[in-house]
Amino acid sequence: PATVSLSALVVARRRQRVSNLGCRADPSDLEKEAARIRAEASALEEEQRQQRRAQRALEWTGGQKSISVAQLRMKLEKEEKMDFSDVRDLLDFKEASTDNLSREEFEVKLQMLVSAKKETQRALEAVARREEEKEAQVASMKEEIGSVFATEVDGEDRSLPTRLVASLVYILPLMDGFQFGLPLLEIFPAALPFVKLIAPLLMLKNAIPFGTFIFLILFQAQARNGDLPQILRFNLAQAVVLDVLFIVPDFFMSIISMELPTSFLVALFVILFGVMVYSVTLTLLGKVPDGLGGISDMTRRNLGRGF
């Protein structure tokens, strides 16, 4: 610090002299004075660097004239927190003396070696991170595949029969929204066999007085039955939500005695049909289909806090 203050004082005085000469000296004198200041500052900086090197060499040797290569290695490893088994490559001399360790050549080699080691360490860490990420992905995939074939997850029944029953509950909203999707048969005539398959079930439901409401009450009651598997309860509750979304437009049209735009009804059917396909797919894979945003939120509220 004292050397820094002295150098700053010298530079300040030189600058003051240049400032004083500014009004009466010619440009060549000013340039010479500025060059002398730069040379003097450079010399002071070099002297400070040499002092730092000498101070560090004294710390390494513990005030002794020299230390062994093994002792130098221990000092460097403690300071830089890395392996220095190749420290002998830094030495162009046999002994690690204070004078040798304070040389500029040694400092340059040391800095280059430290930089190379840090770069190598960063590269190895990046490779290790990538390997860890790959292992985590493989483990996650194995877990996902295992859950597909698992008959029990977290103590809950996820057997194939349970998944099939939980998927079949979406037949109810499909039947109640069936009429909104009929215009699509003109675009997709290949879906006609599927319509013929659903039609008898729809006729059977309509033959039961208040059939839809009876099924809704039954689904709602079973969804709150804590003895049933979680995946079945969630799908029962979600089927109720979807069915209500189909019933509301039909109920509204009966009140106002007007037909809603066909495009709106078809769009509603397409969206909710997509929701049902998503739900059935995840359910068959043994997953709870709870990633449907607002619909899944309504389902959870429908199930209550105990779910």
Protein backbone atom coordinates (compact mmCIF):
# COMPACT_ATOMS: atom_id res chain seq x y z
CA PRO A 1 0.00 0.00 0.00
CA ALA A 2 2.87 2.40 0.82
CA THR A 3 4.45 1.69 -2.58
CA VAL A 4 1.13 2.29 -4.32
CA SER A 5 0.69 5.61 -2.51
CA LEU A 6 4.25 6.67 -3.41
CA SER A 7 3.78 5.79 -7.07
CA ALA A 8 0.48 7.65 -7.15
CA LEU A 9 2.18 10.68 -5.58
CA VAL A 10 5.01 10.59 -8.14
CA VAL A 11 2.57 10.33 -11.03
CA ALA A 12 0.48 13.16 -9.60
CA ARG A 13 3.53 15.42 -9.31
CA ARG A 14 4.59 14.59 -12.83
CA ARG A 15 1.14 15.44 -14.10
CA GLN A 16 1.24 18.68 -12.19
CA ARG A 17 4.57 19.52 -13.83
CA VAL A 18 3.07 18.76 -17.25
CA SER A 19 0.11 20.96 -16.39
CA ASN A 20 2.41 23.78 -15.33
CA LEU A 21 4.45 23.38 -18.49
CA GLY A 22 1.32 23.31 -20.61
CA CYS A 23 1.16 27.07 -21.03
CA ARG A 24 4.86 27.71 -21.71
CA ALA A 25 6.37 24.49 -23.13
CA ASP A 26 6.21 23.42 -26.74
CA PRO A 27 4.40 20.18 -27.77
CA SER A 28 7.63 18.16 -28.01
CA ASP A 29 8.47 18.89 -24.38
CA LEU A 30 5.01 17.81 -23.30
CA GLU A 31 5.30 14.56 -25.23
CA LYS A 32 8.69 13.82 -23.68
CA GLU A 33 7.35 14.51 -20.21
CA ALA A 34 4.33 12.26 -20.84
CA ALA A 35 6.62 9.49 -22.09
CA ARG A 36 8.75 9.77 -18.95
CA ILE A 37 5.61 9.51 -16.80
CA ARG A 38 4.46 6.39 -18.62
CA ALA A 39 7.89 4.79 -18.33
CA GLU A 40 8.07 5.63 -14.66
CA ALA A 41 4.58 4.25 -14.02
CA SER A 42 5.43 1.07 -15.92
CA ALA A 43 8.61 0.63 -13.89
CA LEU A 44 6.67 1.11 -10.66
CA GLU A 45 4.08 -1.46 -11.73
CA GLU A 46 6.82 -3.96 -12.57
CA GLU A 47 8.44 -3.31 -9.20
CA GLN A 48 5.12 -3.93 -7.45
CA ARG A 49 4.63 -7.19 -9.37
CA GLN A 50 8.11 -8.31 -8.38
CA GLN A 51 7.36 -7.48 -4.75
CA ARG A 52 4.16 -9.53 -4.91
CA ARG A 53 6.02 -12.47 -6.43
CA ALA A 54 8.70 -12.25 -3.76
CA GLN A 55 6.09 -12.02 -0.99
CA ARG A 56 4.26 -15.07 -2.31
CA ALA A 57 7.53 -17.03 -2.64
CA LEU A 58 8.30 -16.23 1.00
CA GLU A 59 4.86 -17.49 2.03
CA TRP A 60 5.40 -20.73 0.09
CA THR A 61 8.84 -21.36 1.58
CA GLY A 62 7.79 -20.26 5.04
CA GLY A 63 10.65 -17.78 5.24
CA GLN A 64 13.23 -20.45 4.38
CA LYS A 65 15.68 -20.24 1.49
CA SER A 66 14.09 -23.17 -0.31
CA ILE A 67 11.60 -26.04 0.01
CA SER A 68 11.24 -29.44 -1.63
CA VAL A 69 9.12 -30.03 -4.74
CA ALA A 70 6.72 -32.10 -2.63
CA GLN A 71 6.28 -29.21 -0.20
CA LEU A 72 5.70 -26.80 -3.09
CA ARG A 73 3.07 -29.14 -4.50
CA MET A 74 1.23 -29.17 -1.16
CA LYS A 75 1.33 -25.36 -0.99
CA LEU A 76 -0.03 -24.97 -4.54
CA GLU A 77 -2.77 -27.55 -4.07
CA LYS A 78 -3.90 -25.84 -0.87
CA GLU A 79 -3.92 -22.43 -2.55
CA GLU A 80 -5.47 -23.32 -5.91
CA LYS A 81 -7.68 -26.26 -4.75
CA MET A 82 -6.52 -28.54 -7.56
CA ASP A 83 -4.04 -31.32 -8.30
CA PHE A 84 -0.42 -30.29 -8.94
CA SER A 85 1.21 -33.69 -9.40
CA ASP A 86 2.95 -32.23 -12.48
CA VAL A 87 4.40 -29.26 -10.58
CA ARG A 88 7.94 -30.35 -11.50
CA ASP A 89 7.19 -29.32 -15.10
CA LEU A 90 7.07 -25.71 -13.86
CA LEU A 91 10.62 -25.81 -12.57
CA ASP A 92 13.61 -25.17 -14.81
CA PHE A 93 15.75 -25.59 -11.72
CA LYS A 94 16.40 -28.37 -9.25
CA GLU A 95 15.33 -26.65 -6.04
CA ALA A 96 12.28 -24.54 -5.19
CA SER A 97 14.14 -21.62 -3.65
CA THR A 98 12.65 -18.24 -2.80
CA ASP A 99 14.59 -16.58 -5.63
CA ASN A 100 13.52 -19.16 -8.19
CA LEU A 101 9.87 -19.05 -7.13
CA SER A 102 9.75 -15.25 -7.40
CA ARG A 103 10.88 -15.26 -11.04
CA GLU A 104 8.52 -13.94 -13.69
CA GLU A 105 9.07 -17.08 -15.82
CA PHE A 106 7.77 -19.26 -12.99
CA GLU A 107 4.69 -17.04 -12.50
CA VAL A 108 3.84 -17.14 -16.20
CA LYS A 109 4.13 -20.94 -16.32
CA LEU A 110 2.10 -21.27 -13.15
CA GLN A 111 -0.70 -19.06 -14.49
CA MET A 112 -0.79 -20.99 -17.77
CA LEU A 113 -0.92 -24.31 -15.92
CA VAL A 114 -3.66 -23.11 -13.57
CA SER A 115 -5.72 -21.78 -16.50
CA ALA A 116 -5.33 -25.05 -18.39
CA LYS A 117 -6.31 -27.08 -15.33
CA LYS A 118 -9.38 -24.90 -14.69
CA GLU A 119 -10.45 -25.21 -18.32
CA THR A 120 -10.01 -28.99 -18.17
CA GLN A 121 -11.92 -29.11 -14.89
CA ARG A 122 -14.81 -27.10 -16.38
CA ALA A 123 -14.91 -29.43 -19.40
CA LEU A 124 -14.95 -32.52 -17.17
CA GLU A 125 -17.71 -31.02 -15.01
CA ALA A 126 -19.77 -30.24 -18.12
CA VAL A 127 -19.34 -33.84 -19.33
CA ALA A 128 -20.30 -35.13 -15.87
CA ARG A 129 -23.42 -32.95 -15.85
CA ARG A 130 -24.46 -34.24 -19.26
CA GLU A 131 -23.94 -37.81 -18.11
CA GLU A 132 -26.02 -37.16 -14.99
CA GLU A 133 -28.78 -35.63 -17.10
CA LYS A 134 -28.74 -38.65 -19.44
CA GLU A 135 -28.88 -41.03 -16.49
CA ALA A 136 -31.77 -39.06 -15.00
CA GLN A 137 -33.64 -39.18 -18.31
CA VAL A 138 -33.06 -42.92 -18.64
CA ALA A 139 -34.22 -43.46 -15.05
CA SER A 140 -37.30 -41.32 -15.70
CA MET A 141 -38.11 -43.28 -18.86
CA LYS A 142 -37.72 -46.56 -17.00
CA GLU A 143 -40.00 -45.28 -14.28
CA GLU A 144 -42.58 -44.15 -16.84
CA ILE A 145 -42.46 -47.51 -18.63
CA GLY A 146 -42.65 -49.32 -15.31
CA SER A 147 -45.71 -47.34 -14.29
CA VAL A 148 -47.47 -48.31 -17.52
CA PHE A 149 -47.27 -51.98 -16.59
CA ALA A 150 -47.57 -51.53 -12.83
CA THR A 151 -50.68 -52.88 -11.14
CA GLU A 152 -50.23 -50.60 -8.15
CA VAL A 153 -48.84 -47.05 -7.81
CA ASP A 154 -48.35 -45.44 -4.39
CA GLY A 155 -50.67 -48.03 -2.88
CA GLU A 156 -53.43 -47.30 -5.42
CA ASP A 157 -54.89 -49.94 -7.74
CA ARG A 158 -53.78 -49.32 -11.34
CA SER A 159 -54.51 -52.77 -12.76
CA LEU A 160 -55.75 -53.18 -16.32
CA PRO A 161 -59.39 -53.86 -15.34
CA THR A 162 -59.42 -50.66 -13.25
CA ARG A 163 -57.99 -48.66 -16.15
CA LEU A 164 -60.60 -50.06 -18.55
CA VAL A 165 -63.50 -49.21 -16.23
CA ALA A 166 -62.06 -45.72 -15.63
CA SER A 167 -61.87 -45.21 -19.41
CA LEU A 168 -65.41 -46.44 -20.13
CA VAL A 169 -66.98 -43.73 -17.93
CA TYR A 170 -66.43 -41.23 -20.78
CA ILE A 171 -69.13 -42.99 -22.78
CA LEU A 172 -71.67 -40.92 -20.85
CA PRO A 173 -70.47 -37.45 -21.97
CA LEU A 174 -69.80 -38.87 -25.43
CA MET A 175 -73.45 -39.96 -25.76
CA ASP A 176 -74.78 -36.61 -24.50
CA GLY A 177 -72.56 -34.66 -26.91
CA PHE A 178 -73.12 -37.09 -29.76
CA GLN A 179 -75.76 -34.92 -31.45
CA PHE A 180 -73.40 -31.93 -31.69
CA GLY A 181 -70.88 -33.92 -33.71
CA LEU A 182 -73.23 -35.37 -36.31
CA PRO A 183 -72.39 -32.69 -38.93
CA LEU A 184 -68.83 -34.03 -38.92
CA LEU A 185 -70.02 -37.23 -40.59
CA GLU A 186 -70.22 -35.31 -43.87
CA ILE A 187 -66.49 -34.60 -43.56
CA PHE A 188 -65.47 -37.91 -41.99
CA PRO A 189 -67.81 -40.60 -43.32
CA ALA A 190 -65.35 -43.26 -42.10
CA ALA A 191 -66.61 -42.53 -38.56
CA LEU A 192 -70.04 -43.99 -39.40
CA PRO A 193 -69.27 -47.47 -37.93
CA PHE A 194 -68.34 -45.78 -34.66
CA VAL A 195 -71.67 -43.92 -34.70
CA LYS A 196 -73.52 -47.20 -35.24
CA LEU A 197 -71.70 -48.60 -32.21
CA ILE A 198 -72.71 -45.70 -29.98
CA ALA A 199 -76.30 -45.42 -31.21
CA PRO A 200 -77.69 -48.49 -29.31
CA LEU A 201 -76.14 -47.28 -26.07
CA LEU A 202 -77.65 -43.85 -26.62
CA MET A 203 -81.08 -45.36 -27.28
CA LEU A 204 -80.80 -47.46 -24.12
CA LYS A 205 -79.93 -44.43 -22.02
CA ASN A 206 -82.74 -42.36 -23.50
CA ALA A 207 -85.17 -45.19 -22.74
CA ILE A 208 -84.51 -44.65 -19.03
CA PRO A 209 -86.54 -41.72 -17.60
CA PHE A 210 -84.08 -38.99 -16.58
CA GLY A 211 -81.32 -41.39 -17.56
CA THR A 212 -78.64 -38.73 -17.85
CA PHE A 213 -79.35 -37.28 -14.39
CA ILE A 214 -79.46 -40.74 -12.84
CA PHE A 215 -76.03 -41.54 -14.26
CA LEU A 216 -74.68 -38.15 -13.17
CA ILE A 217 -75.84 -38.73 -9.58
CA LEU A 218 -74.41 -42.26 -9.66
CA PHE A 219 -71.06 -41.08 -11.05
CA GLN A 220 -70.87 -38.24 -8.53
CA ALA A 221 -71.61 -40.56 -5.61
CA GLN A 222 -69.00 -43.08 -6.67
CA ALA A 223 -66.42 -40.34 -7.32
CA ARG A 224 -66.63 -39.44 -3.62
CA ASN A 225 -66.33 -43.06 -2.56
CA GLY A 226 -62.94 -43.26 -0.86
CA ASP A 227 -62.85 -47.05 -1.18
CA LEU A 228 -62.49 -46.86 -4.98
CA PRO A 229 -59.10 -46.42 -6.69
CA GLN A 230 -58.02 -42.83 -7.17
CA ILE A 231 -57.74 -43.10 -10.95
CA LEU A 232 -61.35 -44.35 -11.18
CA ARG A 233 -62.69 -41.67 -8.87
CA PHE A 234 -60.97 -38.87 -10.79
CA ASN A 235 -62.26 -40.07 -14.16
CA LEU A 236 -65.79 -40.43 -12.79
CA ALA A 237 -65.69 -36.84 -11.55
CA GLN A 238 -64.16 -35.57 -14.80
CA ALA A 239 -66.78 -37.40 -16.85
CA VAL A 240 -69.45 -35.56 -14.82
CA VAL A 241 -67.81 -32.21 -15.60
CA LEU A 242 -67.64 -32.96 -19.34
CA ASP A 243 -71.22 -34.20 -19.42
CA VAL A 244 -72.44 -31.00 -17.75
CA LEU A 245 -70.54 -28.96 -20.37
CA PHE A 246 -72.52 -30.83 -23.04
CA ILE A 247 -75.85 -30.55 -21.21
CA VAL A 248 -75.69 -26.79 -20.60
CA PRO A 249 -75.97 -25.73 -24.31
CA ASP A 250 -78.82 -28.23 -24.84
CA PHE A 251 -80.61 -26.94 -21.75
CA PHE A 252 -80.08 -23.33 -22.85
CA MET A 253 -81.53 -24.01 -26.31
CA SER A 254 -84.62 -25.62 -24.77
CA ILE A 255 -85.22 -22.50 -22.64
CA ILE A 256 -84.86 -19.89 -25.38
CA SER A 257 -86.45 -22.15 -28.04
CA MET A 258 -83.63 -21.29 -30.42
CA GLU A 259 -80.81 -23.23 -31.98
CA LEU A 260 -77.25 -22.20 -31.28
CA PRO A 261 -74.95 -21.86 -34.31
CA THR A 262 -73.96 -25.25 -35.66
CA SER A 263 -70.33 -24.17 -35.88
CA PHE A 264 -70.32 -23.42 -32.14
CA LEU A 265 -71.81 -26.81 -31.25
CA VAL A 266 -69.41 -28.66 -33.56
CA ALA A 267 -66.44 -26.79 -32.08
CA LEU A 268 -67.65 -27.66 -28.58
CA PHE A 269 -67.89 -31.33 -29.53
CA VAL A 270 -64.43 -31.37 -31.13
CA ILE A 271 -62.81 -29.75 -28.08
CA LEU A 272 -64.49 -32.01 -25.54
CA PHE A 273 -63.95 -35.09 -27.71
CA GLY A 274 -60.23 -34.24 -27.73
CA VAL A 275 -60.37 -33.95 -23.95
CA MET A 276 -61.94 -37.39 -23.73
CA VAL A 277 -59.31 -38.91 -26.04
CA TYR A 278 -56.58 -37.37 -23.87
CA SER A 279 -58.19 -38.68 -20.69
CA VAL A 280 -58.74 -42.20 -22.00
CA THR A 281 -55.18 -42.40 -23.36
CA LEU A 282 -53.57 -41.38 -20.07
CA THR A 283 -55.90 -43.59 -18.08
CA LEU A 284 -55.00 -46.64 -20.15
CA LEU A 285 -51.34 -45.79 -19.49
CA GLY A 286 -52.04 -45.78 -15.77
CA LYS A 287 -51.85 -41.99 -15.36
CA VAL A 288 -54.41 -39.68 -13.78
CA PRO A 289 -55.52 -37.28 -16.58
CA ASP A 290 -55.30 -34.12 -14.49
CA GLY A 291 -53.47 -31.84 -16.93
CA LEU A 292 -56.53 -30.17 -18.48
CA GLY A 293 -56.33 -26.80 -16.77
CA GLY A 294 -59.75 -25.44 -15.87
CA ILE A 295 -61.53 -28.74 -16.51
CA SER A 296 -59.21 -30.61 -14.13
CA ASP A 297 -59.58 -27.80 -11.58
CA MET A 298 -63.36 -28.17 -11.69
CA THR A 299 -62.89 -31.94 -11.32
CA ARG A 300 -60.80 -31.51 -8.16
CA ARG A 301 -63.35 -29.12 -6.68
CA ASN A 302 -66.02 -31.65 -7.55
CA LEU A 303 -64.12 -34.35 -5.65
CA GLY A 304 -63.71 -32.19 -2.56
CA ARG A 305 -60.76 -31.64 -0.25
CA GLY A 306 -60.39 -35.30 0.68
CA PHE A 307 -59.09 -36.31 -2.77
